[in-house]
Amino acid sequence: MGQERVRLYVRGLVLGFKRGKTSQHTKTSLIQLENVNSKEDVEFYLGKKLAYVYKAKTKRMGTQYRCVW
């Protein structure tokens, strides 16, 4: 009875904001996801939330890692 593994997260890079030649739209971030290279792969991730996880210098609530939704 092998259960299929559930993918909980995918690493990604924040590339910047959506922009034109002269203006920048800060409501829309451009994210490059690891191992997602085609439009068919992207469809699964459209509309999903993004968690920005980083390591801080000081501990808070027993951990150095912080998360911004």
PDB file of N, CA and C in Angstrom:
ATOM      1  N   MET A   1       0.832  -1.183   0.000  1.00  0.00           N
ATOM      2  CA  MET A   1       0.000   0.000   0.000  1.00  0.00           C
ATOM      3  C   MET A   1       0.881   1.252   0.000  1.00  0.00           C
ATOM      4  N   GLY A   2       1.532   1.537  -1.115  1.00  0.00           N
ATOM      5  CA  GLY A   2       2.354   2.739  -1.217  1.00  0.00           C
ATOM      6  C   GLY A   2       1.501   3.957  -1.545  1.00  0.00           C
ATOM      7  N   GLN A   3       1.535   4.916  -0.648  1.00  0.00           N
ATOM      8  CA  GLN A   3       0.792   6.144  -0.900  1.00  0.00           C
ATOM      9  C   GLN A   3       1.670   7.122  -1.677  1.00  0.00           C
ATOM     10  N   GLU A   4       1.046   7.893  -2.535  1.00  0.00           N
ATOM     11  CA  GLU A   4       1.778   8.886  -3.311  1.00  0.00           C
ATOM     12  C   GLU A   4       2.201  10.033  -2.396  1.00  0.00           C
ATOM     13  N   ARG A   5       3.446  10.488  -2.552  1.00  0.00           N
ATOM     14  CA  ARG A   5       3.941  11.578  -1.721  1.00  0.00           C
ATOM     15  C   ARG A   5       3.309  12.890  -2.157  1.00  0.00           C
ATOM     16  N   VAL A   6       2.999  13.718  -1.191  1.00  0.00           N
ATOM     17  CA  VAL A   6       2.378  15.003  -1.450  1.00  0.00           C
ATOM     18  C   VAL A   6       3.458  16.085  -1.442  1.00  0.00           C
ATOM     19  N   ARG A   7       3.454  16.903  -2.469  1.00  0.00           N
ATOM     20  CA  ARG A   7       4.428  17.977  -2.564  1.00  0.00           C
ATOM     21  C   ARG A   7       3.929  19.155  -1.726  1.00  0.00           C
ATOM     22  N   LEU A   8       4.646  19.501  -0.667  1.00  0.00           N
ATOM     23  CA  LEU A   8       4.212  20.553   0.235  1.00  0.00           C
ATOM     24  C   LEU A   8       4.743  21.926  -0.148  1.00  0.00           C
ATOM     25  N   TYR A   9       5.901  21.987  -0.778  1.00  0.00           N
ATOM     26  CA  TYR A   9       6.452  23.284  -1.151  1.00  0.00           C
ATOM     27  C   TYR A   9       7.400  23.117  -2.328  1.00  0.00           C
ATOM     28  N   VAL A  10       7.674  24.216  -2.982  1.00  0.00           N
ATOM     29  CA  VAL A  10       8.652  24.282  -4.062  1.00  0.00           C
ATOM     30  C   VAL A  10       9.493  25.518  -3.822  1.00  0.00           C
ATOM     31  N   ARG A  11      10.792  25.383  -3.939  1.00  0.00           N
ATOM     32  CA  ARG A  11      11.668  26.536  -3.758  1.00  0.00           C
ATOM     33  C   ARG A  11      11.550  27.461  -4.953  1.00  0.00           C
ATOM     34  N   GLY A  12      11.786  28.739  -4.725  1.00  0.00           N
ATOM     35  CA  GLY A  12      11.705  29.705  -5.812  1.00  0.00           C
ATOM     36  C   GLY A  12      12.547  30.935  -5.536  1.00  0.00           C
ATOM     37  N   LEU A  13      12.694  31.745  -6.561  1.00  0.00           N
ATOM     38  CA  LEU A  13      13.435  32.992  -6.464  1.00  0.00           C
ATOM     39  C   LEU A  13      12.510  34.157  -6.753  1.00  0.00           C
ATOM     40  N   VAL A  14      12.667  35.236  -5.995  1.00  0.00           N
ATOM     41  CA  VAL A  14      11.929  36.460  -6.272  1.00  0.00           C
ATOM     42  C   VAL A  14      12.756  37.247  -7.285  1.00  0.00           C
ATOM     43  N   LEU A  15      12.205  37.432  -8.490  1.00  0.00           N
ATOM     44  CA  LEU A  15      12.936  38.119  -9.551  1.00  0.00           C
ATOM     45  C   LEU A  15      12.719  39.627  -9.520  1.00  0.00           C
ATOM     46  N   GLY A  16      11.582  40.055  -9.001  1.00  0.00           N
ATOM     47  CA  GLY A  16      11.287  41.475  -8.964  1.00  0.00           C
ATOM     48  C   GLY A  16       9.794  41.688  -9.141  1.00  0.00           C
ATOM     49  N   PHE A  17       9.424  42.848  -9.672  1.00  0.00           N
ATOM     50  CA  PHE A  17       8.026  43.189  -9.886  1.00  0.00           C
ATOM     51  C   PHE A  17       7.708  43.232 -11.370  1.00  0.00           C
ATOM     52  N   LYS A  18       6.431  43.040 -11.692  1.00  0.00           N
ATOM     53  CA  LYS A  18       5.974  43.212 -13.057  1.00  0.00           C
ATOM     54  C   LYS A  18       6.216  44.669 -13.434  1.00  0.00           C
ATOM     55  N   ARG A  19       6.754  44.904 -14.637  1.00  0.00           N
ATOM     56  CA  ARG A  19       7.059  46.271 -15.001  1.00  0.00           C
ATOM     57  C   ARG A  19       6.966  46.478 -16.508  1.00  0.00           C
ATOM     58  N   GLY A  20       6.775  47.716 -16.854  1.00  0.00           N
ATOM     59  CA  GLY A  20       6.834  48.151 -18.228  1.00  0.00           C
ATOM     60  C   GLY A  20       8.148  48.884 -18.447  1.00  0.00           C
ATOM     61  N   LYS A  21       8.206  49.627 -19.509  1.00  0.00           N
ATOM     62  CA  LYS A  21       9.436  50.359 -19.800  1.00  0.00           C
ATOM     63  C   LYS A  21       9.695  51.468 -18.786  1.00  0.00           C
ATOM     64  N   THR A  22       8.622  52.121 -18.323  1.00  0.00           N
ATOM     65  CA  THR A  22       8.804  53.258 -17.424  1.00  0.00           C
ATOM     66  C   THR A  22       8.125  53.101 -16.074  1.00  0.00           C
ATOM     67  N   SER A  23       7.253  52.109 -15.909  1.00  0.00           N
ATOM     68  CA  SER A  23       6.521  51.986 -14.647  1.00  0.00           C
ATOM     69  C   SER A  23       6.667  50.587 -14.063  1.00  0.00           C
ATOM     70  N   GLN A  24       6.547  50.511 -12.747  1.00  0.00           N
ATOM     71  CA  GLN A  24       6.673  49.252 -12.015  1.00  0.00           C
ATOM     72  C   GLN A  24       5.381  48.999 -11.254  1.00  0.00           C
ATOM     73  N   HIS A  25       4.849  47.765 -11.345  1.00  0.00           N
ATOM     74  CA  HIS A  25       3.606  47.403 -10.686  1.00  0.00           C
ATOM     75  C   HIS A  25       3.938  46.557  -9.455  1.00  0.00           C
ATOM     76  N   THR A  26       3.933  47.168  -8.282  1.00  0.00           N
ATOM     77  CA  THR A  26       4.399  46.480  -7.078  1.00  0.00           C
ATOM     78  C   THR A  26       3.384  45.496  -6.509  1.00  0.00           C
ATOM     79  N   LYS A  27       2.171  45.449  -7.057  1.00  0.00           N
ATOM     80  CA  LYS A  27       1.189  44.472  -6.578  1.00  0.00           C
ATOM     81  C   LYS A  27       1.446  43.083  -7.158  1.00  0.00           C
ATOM     82  N   THR A  28       2.250  42.999  -8.230  1.00  0.00           N
ATOM     83  CA  THR A  28       2.491  41.735  -8.909  1.00  0.00           C
ATOM     84  C   THR A  28       3.978  41.400  -8.865  1.00  0.00           C
ATOM     85  N   SER A  29       4.339  40.325  -8.152  1.00  0.00           N
ATOM     86  CA  SER A  29       5.732  39.888  -8.078  1.00  0.00           C
ATOM     87  C   SER A  29       5.998  38.817  -9.115  1.00  0.00           C
ATOM     88  N   LEU A  30       7.214  38.806  -9.639  1.00  0.00           N
ATOM     89  CA  LEU A  30       7.634  37.769 -10.579  1.00  0.00           C
ATOM     90  C   LEU A  30       8.465  36.748  -9.807  1.00  0.00           C
ATOM     91  N   ILE A  31       8.029  35.494  -9.843  1.00  0.00           N
ATOM     92  CA  ILE A  31       8.678  34.418  -9.097  1.00  0.00           C
ATOM     93  C   ILE A  31       9.125  33.341 -10.076  1.00  0.00           C
ATOM     94  N   GLN A  32      10.366  32.856  -9.924  1.00  0.00           N
ATOM     95  CA  GLN A  32      10.851  31.744 -10.731  1.00  0.00           C
ATOM     96  C   GLN A  32      10.888  30.505  -9.841  1.00  0.00           C
ATOM     97  N   LEU A  33      10.054  29.504 -10.137  1.00  0.00           N
ATOM     98  CA  LEU A  33       9.968  28.293  -9.337  1.00  0.00           C
ATOM     99  C   LEU A  33      10.962  27.259  -9.838  1.00  0.00           C
ATOM    100  N   GLU A  34      11.534  26.506  -8.908  1.00  0.00           N
ATOM    101  CA  GLU A  34      12.511  25.487  -9.232  1.00  0.00           C
ATOM    102  C   GLU A  34      11.844  24.335  -9.994  1.00  0.00           C
ATOM    103  N   ASN A  35      12.431  23.898 -11.102  1.00  0.00           N
ATOM    104  CA  ASN A  35      11.959  22.784 -11.938  1.00  0.00           C
ATOM    105  C   ASN A  35      10.584  23.033 -12.553  1.00  0.00           C
ATOM    106  N   VAL A  36      10.200  24.283 -12.730  1.00  0.00           N
ATOM    107  CA  VAL A  36       8.956  24.629 -13.424  1.00  0.00           C
ATOM    108  C   VAL A  36       9.366  25.439 -14.639  1.00  0.00           C
ATOM    109  N   ASN A  37       9.315  24.795 -15.816  1.00  0.00           N
ATOM    110  CA  ASN A  37       9.880  25.418 -17.011  1.00  0.00           C
ATOM    111  C   ASN A  37       8.894  25.598 -18.157  1.00  0.00           C
ATOM    112  N   SER A  38       7.680  25.065 -18.048  1.00  0.00           N
ATOM    113  CA  SER A  38       6.735  25.177 -19.158  1.00  0.00           C
ATOM    114  C   SER A  38       5.402  25.719 -18.659  1.00  0.00           C
ATOM    115  N   LYS A  39       4.584  26.189 -19.580  1.00  0.00           N
ATOM    116  CA  LYS A  39       3.286  26.749 -19.224  1.00  0.00           C
ATOM    117  C   LYS A  39       2.373  25.685 -18.626  1.00  0.00           C
ATOM    118  N   GLU A  40       2.515  24.445 -19.056  1.00  0.00           N
ATOM    119  CA  GLU A  40       1.691  23.356 -18.515  1.00  0.00           C
ATOM    120  C   GLU A  40       2.013  23.110 -17.039  1.00  0.00           C
ATOM    121  N   ASP A  41       3.280  23.240 -16.654  1.00  0.00           N
ATOM    122  CA  ASP A  41       3.685  23.064 -15.252  1.00  0.00           C
ATOM    123  C   ASP A  41       3.189  24.213 -14.380  1.00  0.00           C
ATOM    124  N   VAL A  42       3.090  25.395 -14.941  1.00  0.00           N
ATOM    125  CA  VAL A  42       2.715  26.592 -14.185  1.00  0.00           C
ATOM    126  C   VAL A  42       1.254  26.556 -13.767  1.00  0.00           C
ATOM    127  N   GLU A  43       0.392  25.927 -14.545  1.00  0.00           N
ATOM    128  CA  GLU A  43      -1.056  25.936 -14.280  1.00  0.00           C
ATOM    129  C   GLU A  43      -1.396  25.473 -12.865  1.00  0.00           C
ATOM    130  N   PHE A  44      -0.655  24.511 -12.326  1.00  0.00           N
ATOM    131  CA  PHE A  44      -0.912  24.013 -10.979  1.00  0.00           C
ATOM    132  C   PHE A  44      -0.690  25.101  -9.928  1.00  0.00           C
ATOM    133  N   TYR A  45       0.285  25.977 -10.144  1.00  0.00           N
ATOM    134  CA  TYR A  45       0.681  26.959  -9.141  1.00  0.00           C
ATOM    135  C   TYR A  45      -0.076  28.280  -9.238  1.00  0.00           C
ATOM    136  N   LEU A  46      -0.811  28.522 -10.311  1.00  0.00           N
ATOM    137  CA  LEU A  46      -1.529  29.785 -10.460  1.00  0.00           C
ATOM    138  C   LEU A  46      -2.566  29.942  -9.359  1.00  0.00           C
ATOM    139  N   GLY A  47      -2.563  31.093  -8.684  1.00  0.00           N
ATOM    140  CA  GLY A  47      -3.522  31.376  -7.623  1.00  0.00           C
ATOM    141  C   GLY A  47      -3.121  30.868  -6.253  1.00  0.00           C
ATOM    142  N   LYS A  48      -1.987  30.192  -6.129  1.00  0.00           N
ATOM    143  CA  LYS A  48      -1.542  29.674  -4.834  1.00  0.00           C
ATOM    144  C   LYS A  48      -0.853  30.784  -4.035  1.00  0.00           C
ATOM    145  N   LYS A  49      -0.864  30.631  -2.717  1.00  0.00           N
ATOM    146  CA  LYS A  49      -0.177  31.588  -1.852  1.00  0.00           C
ATOM    147  C   LYS A  49       1.323  31.325  -1.868  1.00  0.00           C
ATOM    148  N   LEU A  50       2.066  32.359  -1.491  1.00  0.00           N
ATOM    149  CA  LEU A  50       3.511  32.289  -1.459  1.00  0.00           C
ATOM    150  C   LEU A  50       3.981  32.602  -0.051  1.00  0.00           C
ATOM    151  N   ALA A  51       4.888  31.804   0.487  1.00  0.00           N
ATOM    152  CA  ALA A  51       5.464  32.051   1.807  1.00  0.00           C
ATOM    153  C   ALA A  51       6.929  32.434   1.628  1.00  0.00           C
ATOM    154  N   TYR A  52       7.301  33.593   2.140  1.00  0.00           N
ATOM    155  CA  TYR A  52       8.682  34.049   2.101  1.00  0.00           C
ATOM    156  C   TYR A  52       9.331  33.643   3.416  1.00  0.00           C
ATOM    157  N   VAL A  53      10.236  32.670   3.382  1.00  0.00           N
ATOM    158  CA  VAL A  53      10.891  32.137   4.578  1.00  0.00           C
ATOM    159  C   VAL A  53      12.347  32.594   4.557  1.00  0.00           C
ATOM    160  N   TYR A  54      12.792  33.166   5.681  1.00  0.00           N
ATOM    161  CA  TYR A  54      14.169  33.639   5.764  1.00  0.00           C
ATOM    162  C   TYR A  54      14.723  33.362   7.152  1.00  0.00           C
ATOM    163  N   LYS A  55      16.046  33.404   7.259  1.00  0.00           N
ATOM    164  CA  LYS A  55      16.725  33.154   8.530  1.00  0.00           C
ATOM    165  C   LYS A  55      17.166  34.486   9.127  1.00  0.00           C
ATOM    166  N   ALA A  56      16.771  34.751  10.373  1.00  0.00           N
ATOM    167  CA  ALA A  56      17.095  35.996  11.056  1.00  0.00           C
ATOM    168  C   ALA A  56      18.291  35.796  11.988  1.00  0.00           C
ATOM    169  N   LYS A  57      18.827  36.899  12.489  1.00  0.00           N
ATOM    170  CA  LYS A  57      19.971  36.810  13.404  1.00  0.00           C
ATOM    171  C   LYS A  57      19.566  36.317  14.785  1.00  0.00           C
ATOM    172  N   THR A  58      18.435  36.800  15.287  1.00  0.00           N
ATOM    173  CA  THR A  58      18.029  36.468  16.649  1.00  0.00           C
ATOM    174  C   THR A  58      16.881  35.466  16.648  1.00  0.00           C
ATOM    175  N   LYS A  59      16.784  34.711  17.742  1.00  0.00           N
ATOM    176  CA  LYS A  59      15.699  33.745  17.881  1.00  0.00           C
ATOM    177  C   LYS A  59      14.437  34.441  18.355  1.00  0.00           C
ATOM    178  N   ARG A  60      13.335  34.018  17.815  1.00  0.00           N
ATOM    179  CA  ARG A  60      12.023  34.498  18.250  1.00  0.00           C
ATOM    180  C   ARG A  60      11.114  33.275  18.302  1.00  0.00           C
ATOM    181  N   MET A  61      10.506  33.075  19.432  1.00  0.00           N
ATOM    182  CA  MET A  61       9.633  31.916  19.664  1.00  0.00           C
ATOM    183  C   MET A  61      10.368  30.595  19.417  1.00  0.00           C
ATOM    184  N   GLY A  62      11.661  30.550  19.795  1.00  0.00           N
ATOM    185  CA  GLY A  62      12.439  29.321  19.746  1.00  0.00           C
ATOM    186  C   GLY A  62      13.054  28.980  18.404  1.00  0.00           C
ATOM    187  N   THR A  63      12.968  29.856  17.400  1.00  0.00           N
ATOM    188  CA  THR A  63      13.551  29.554  16.100  1.00  0.00           C
ATOM    189  C   THR A  63      14.102  30.817  15.448  1.00  0.00           C
ATOM    190  N   GLN A  64      15.062  30.631  14.560  1.00  0.00           N
ATOM    191  CA  GLN A  64      15.632  31.756  13.834  1.00  0.00           C
ATOM    192  C   GLN A  64      14.899  32.002  12.519  1.00  0.00           C
ATOM    193  N   TYR A  65      14.074  31.067  12.077  1.00  0.00           N
ATOM    194  CA  TYR A  65      13.401  31.188  10.796  1.00  0.00           C
ATOM    195  C   TYR A  65      12.110  31.994  10.937  1.00  0.00           C
ATOM    196  N   ARG A  66      11.887  32.881   9.974  1.00  0.00           N
ATOM    197  CA  ARG A  66      10.680  33.698   9.964  1.00  0.00           C
ATOM    198  C   ARG A  66       9.939  33.445   8.655  1.00  0.00           C
ATOM    199  N   CYS A  67       8.640  33.673   8.684  1.00  0.00           N
ATOM    200  CA  CYS A  67       7.824  33.450   7.508  1.00  0.00           C
ATOM    201  C   CYS A  67       6.864  34.619   7.312  1.00  0.00           C
ATOM    202  N   VAL A  68       6.798  35.111   6.082  1.00  0.00           N
ATOM    203  CA  VAL A  68       5.873  36.178   5.722  1.00  0.00           C
ATOM    204  C   VAL A  68       4.957  35.631   4.657  1.00  0.00           C
ATOM    205  N   TRP A  69       3.644  35.714   4.859  1.00  0.00           N
ATOM    206  CA  TRP A  69       2.675  35.222   3.880  1.00  0.00           C
ATOM    207  C   TRP A  69       2.267  36.307   2.952  1.00  0.00           C
TER     208      TRP A  69
END
